[in-house]
């Protein structure tokens, strides 16, 4: 049986997805540490969450390390703060 890529998010869905998932992932990383999402096994979902990780990095002023495998994605905050970045209100 051939595995098919799910239907991509519409522009409206993506406009809601990115800020909601950015806020969720930032809070999870700050409160609980590394996050593993097992259902991210398609290229489209991985791309979407790479964008989320990039946004979280900008919001928190810290690099977000992502590891992708056939079992999903793992997200972790790097220890160091990005240069020339102030912390956002979410980290205070």
Protein backbone atom coordinates (compact mmCIF):
# COMPACT_ATOMS: atom_id res chain seq x y z
CA UNK A 1 0.00 0.00 0.00
CA UNK A 2 1.40 3.37 -1.03
CA UNK A 3 1.64 6.03 1.65
CA UNK A 4 0.25 9.39 0.56
CA UNK A 5 1.17 12.85 1.82
CA UNK A 6 -1.80 14.44 3.62
CA UNK A 7 -3.45 17.52 2.17
CA UNK A 8 -1.32 20.59 2.97
CA UNK A 9 -2.71 23.26 5.26
CA UNK A 10 -4.58 26.07 3.54
CA UNK A 11 -3.13 29.59 3.93
CA UNK A 12 -5.83 30.35 6.52
CA UNK A 13 -5.06 27.17 8.47
CA UNK A 14 -1.33 27.94 8.35
CA UNK A 15 -1.98 31.50 9.59
CA UNK A 16 -3.67 30.00 12.68
CA UNK A 17 -1.29 27.04 13.05
CA UNK A 18 2.00 28.94 13.21
CA UNK A 19 1.27 31.33 16.11
CA UNK A 20 -0.67 28.72 18.11
CA UNK A 21 2.01 26.04 17.79
CA UNK A 22 4.82 28.56 18.35
CA UNK A 23 3.28 29.58 21.67
CA UNK A 24 2.61 25.96 22.65
CA UNK A 25 6.11 24.71 21.79
CA UNK A 26 7.82 27.66 23.53
CA UNK A 27 5.86 27.01 26.74
CA UNK A 28 6.49 23.25 26.61
CA UNK A 29 10.23 23.74 26.11
CA UNK A 30 10.48 26.26 28.96
CA UNK A 31 8.30 24.34 31.40
CA UNK A 32 9.11 20.70 30.61
CA UNK A 33 12.31 20.56 28.57
CA UNK A 34 12.77 18.59 25.34
CA UNK A 35 9.60 17.79 23.36
CA UNK A 36 9.09 14.77 21.09
CA UNK A 37 6.28 14.70 18.55
CA UNK A 38 5.82 11.23 17.13
CA UNK A 39 3.25 11.97 14.43
CA UNK A 40 5.54 14.20 12.33
CA UNK A 41 6.50 11.65 9.72
CA UNK A 42 5.63 13.53 6.53
CA UNK A 43 7.74 16.16 4.80
CA UNK A 44 4.93 18.71 4.99
CA UNK A 45 4.44 18.36 8.74
CA UNK A 46 8.20 18.41 9.31
CA UNK A 47 8.54 21.63 7.28
CA UNK A 48 5.71 23.21 9.24
CA UNK A 49 7.35 22.38 12.56
CA UNK A 50 10.77 23.55 11.33
CA UNK A 51 9.09 26.93 10.79
CA UNK A 52 7.58 26.71 14.29
CA UNK A 53 11.02 25.92 15.75
CA UNK A 54 12.49 28.92 13.94
CA UNK A 55 9.77 31.17 15.35
CA UNK A 56 10.28 29.79 18.87
CA UNK A 57 13.99 30.53 18.54
CA UNK A 58 13.21 34.15 17.62
CA UNK A 59 10.67 34.54 20.43
CA UNK A 60 12.90 33.08 23.14
CA UNK A 61 16.21 34.39 21.82
CA UNK A 62 17.66 30.88 22.01
CA UNK A 63 18.43 28.32 19.36
CA UNK A 64 15.97 25.45 19.08
CA UNK A 65 17.68 22.19 18.17
CA UNK A 66 15.56 19.81 16.11
CA UNK A 67 16.24 16.17 15.36
CA UNK A 68 14.15 14.46 12.71
CA UNK A 69 13.82 10.71 12.32
CA UNK A 70 11.37 8.26 10.85
CA UNK A 71 9.69 8.25 14.27
CA UNK A 72 8.98 12.00 14.42
CA UNK A 73 10.79 15.12 15.61
CA UNK A 74 12.45 16.14 18.86
CA UNK A 75 12.87 19.78 19.90
CA UNK A 76 15.30 21.06 22.53
CA UNK A 77 16.51 24.50 23.61
CA UNK A 78 20.22 25.21 23.30
CA UNK A 79 21.85 26.43 26.50
CA UNK A 80 23.16 29.70 25.17
CA UNK A 81 21.20 32.84 24.33
CA UNK A 82 21.45 34.10 20.76
CA UNK A 83 23.74 37.14 20.40
CA UNK A 84 22.06 40.58 20.35
CA UNK A 85 18.70 39.17 21.41
CA UNK A 86 16.57 40.35 24.29
CA UNK A 87 14.36 37.88 26.08
CA UNK A 88 10.70 38.01 25.21
CA UNK A 89 7.84 38.46 27.64
CA UNK A 90 7.12 34.71 27.48
CA UNK A 91 10.40 33.96 29.30
CA UNK A 92 9.95 36.50 32.13
